[in-house]
Amino acid sequence: MNEFLQTEEEVLRMLKTVFDPEIPVNVYDLGLIYKIEIEGTTCKIEMTLTAPGCPAADFLVEDIRQKVGSVEGIEQVDVNIVFEPEWTKDRMSEEAKLELGFL
């Protein structure tokens, strides 16, 4: 497998280990991750929160920085929180909807 794809796959795997402390679903399957860009040794992540005043925002950002930063080849992780487009339950994976009882 090409090195870039391997790094991208590992970043996704690490994002799936980041959980909002109030919701038993990872941030990726919740649909909070809008964009992932890997440029050299920097990983840029654009994400949102389930609510603008989310008390877990700092925790989530730091957890993402630590976990994604542990991926071989990634030296810097930039996390940008955005609120456009607004997050809705429609962004969740089928697994997340099932886990939370929305299906």
Protein backbone atom coordinates (compact mmCIF):
# COMPACT_ATOMS: atom_id res chain seq x y z
CA MET A 1 0.00 0.00 0.00
CA ASN A 2 1.29 3.45 -0.80
CA GLU A 3 2.69 5.36 2.19
CA PHE A 4 0.21 8.27 1.89
CA LEU A 5 -2.82 5.96 1.89
CA GLN A 6 -1.38 4.01 4.80
CA THR A 7 -0.94 7.26 6.80
CA GLU A 8 -4.45 8.41 5.89
CA GLU A 9 -5.90 5.04 6.94
CA GLU A 10 -4.03 5.22 10.26
CA VAL A 11 -5.32 8.79 10.88
CA LEU A 12 -8.89 7.54 10.34
CA ARG A 13 -8.27 4.61 12.67
CA MET A 14 -7.02 6.97 15.38
CA LEU A 15 -9.98 9.34 14.93
CA LYS A 16 -12.27 6.38 15.56
CA THR A 17 -10.69 6.06 19.04
CA VAL A 18 -11.74 9.61 20.05
CA PHE A 19 -15.04 9.67 21.93
CA ASP A 20 -17.13 12.53 23.24
CA PRO A 21 -17.33 11.77 27.00
CA GLU A 22 -21.11 12.23 26.89
CA ILE A 23 -21.81 10.11 23.78
CA PRO A 24 -20.67 6.48 23.36
CA VAL A 25 -19.79 6.97 19.66
CA ASN A 26 -16.49 8.12 18.15
CA VAL A 27 -16.16 11.56 16.55
CA TYR A 28 -15.71 10.11 13.05
CA ASP A 29 -18.90 8.02 13.10
CA LEU A 30 -20.77 10.91 14.75
CA GLY A 31 -20.01 12.89 11.60
CA LEU A 32 -18.06 15.59 13.43
CA ILE A 33 -15.04 15.33 11.11
CA TYR A 34 -15.63 17.42 7.99
CA LYS A 35 -12.19 17.36 6.35
CA ILE A 36 -8.80 15.68 6.73
CA GLU A 37 -5.80 16.94 4.78
CA ILE A 38 -2.29 15.57 5.06
CA GLU A 39 0.41 17.87 3.75
CA GLY A 40 3.88 16.51 4.37
CA THR A 41 4.11 15.84 8.10
CA THR A 42 1.11 18.06 8.99
CA CYS A 43 -2.42 16.74 9.36
CA LYS A 44 -5.14 19.39 9.13
CA ILE A 45 -8.53 18.41 10.50
CA GLU A 46 -11.70 20.45 10.14
CA MET A 47 -14.39 19.40 12.55
CA THR A 48 -17.53 20.59 14.27
CA LEU A 49 -19.25 19.91 17.57
CA THR A 50 -22.72 18.57 18.28
CA ALA A 51 -23.51 21.94 19.91
CA PRO A 52 -21.63 25.28 19.86
CA GLY A 53 -21.23 25.37 23.66
CA CYS A 54 -20.01 21.78 23.92
CA PRO A 55 -18.17 21.48 27.25
CA ALA A 56 -15.99 18.68 25.86
CA ALA A 57 -14.55 20.77 22.98
CA ASP A 58 -11.09 21.27 24.51
CA PHE A 59 -10.91 17.62 25.55
CA LEU A 60 -11.85 16.43 22.04
CA VAL A 61 -9.34 18.71 20.31
CA GLU A 62 -6.51 17.65 22.63
CA ASP A 63 -7.41 13.96 22.31
CA ILE A 64 -7.39 14.27 18.50
CA ARG A 65 -4.03 16.08 18.56
CA GLN A 66 -2.45 13.41 20.75
CA LYS A 67 -3.85 10.39 18.94
CA VAL A 68 -3.40 11.61 15.37
CA GLY A 69 0.01 12.99 16.34
CA SER A 70 1.06 9.47 17.31
CA VAL A 71 0.68 8.29 13.70
CA GLU A 72 4.03 7.61 12.06
CA GLY A 73 4.89 10.43 9.67
CA ILE A 74 2.63 13.00 11.37
CA GLU A 75 4.51 15.63 13.35
CA GLN A 76 1.90 18.38 13.62
CA VAL A 77 -1.88 18.22 13.96
CA ASP A 78 -3.94 21.35 13.32
CA VAL A 79 -7.57 21.09 14.42
CA ASN A 80 -9.97 23.78 13.23
CA ILE A 81 -13.47 23.86 14.73
CA VAL A 82 -16.16 25.17 12.38
CA PHE A 83 -19.93 25.50 12.62
CA GLU A 84 -20.73 25.68 8.92
CA PRO A 85 -22.31 23.49 7.78
CA GLU A 86 -24.21 22.94 10.98
CA TRP A 87 -23.99 19.40 12.36
CA THR A 88 -27.16 17.30 12.23
CA LYS A 89 -27.91 13.66 13.03
CA ASP A 90 -27.97 13.00 9.27
CA ARG A 91 -24.15 13.22 9.29
CA MET A 92 -23.88 10.17 11.56
CA SER A 93 -22.90 6.76 10.19
CA GLU A 94 -25.50 3.99 10.18
CA GLU A 95 -23.57 2.30 13.00
CA ALA A 96 -23.72 5.45 15.14
CA LYS A 97 -27.45 5.87 14.52
CA LEU A 98 -28.02 2.25 15.49
CA GLU A 99 -25.86 2.57 18.62
CA LEU A 100 -27.78 5.67 19.75
CA GLY A 101 -31.20 4.26 18.91
CA PHE A 102 -31.99 6.50 15.92
CA LEU A 103 -32.74 3.52 13.67
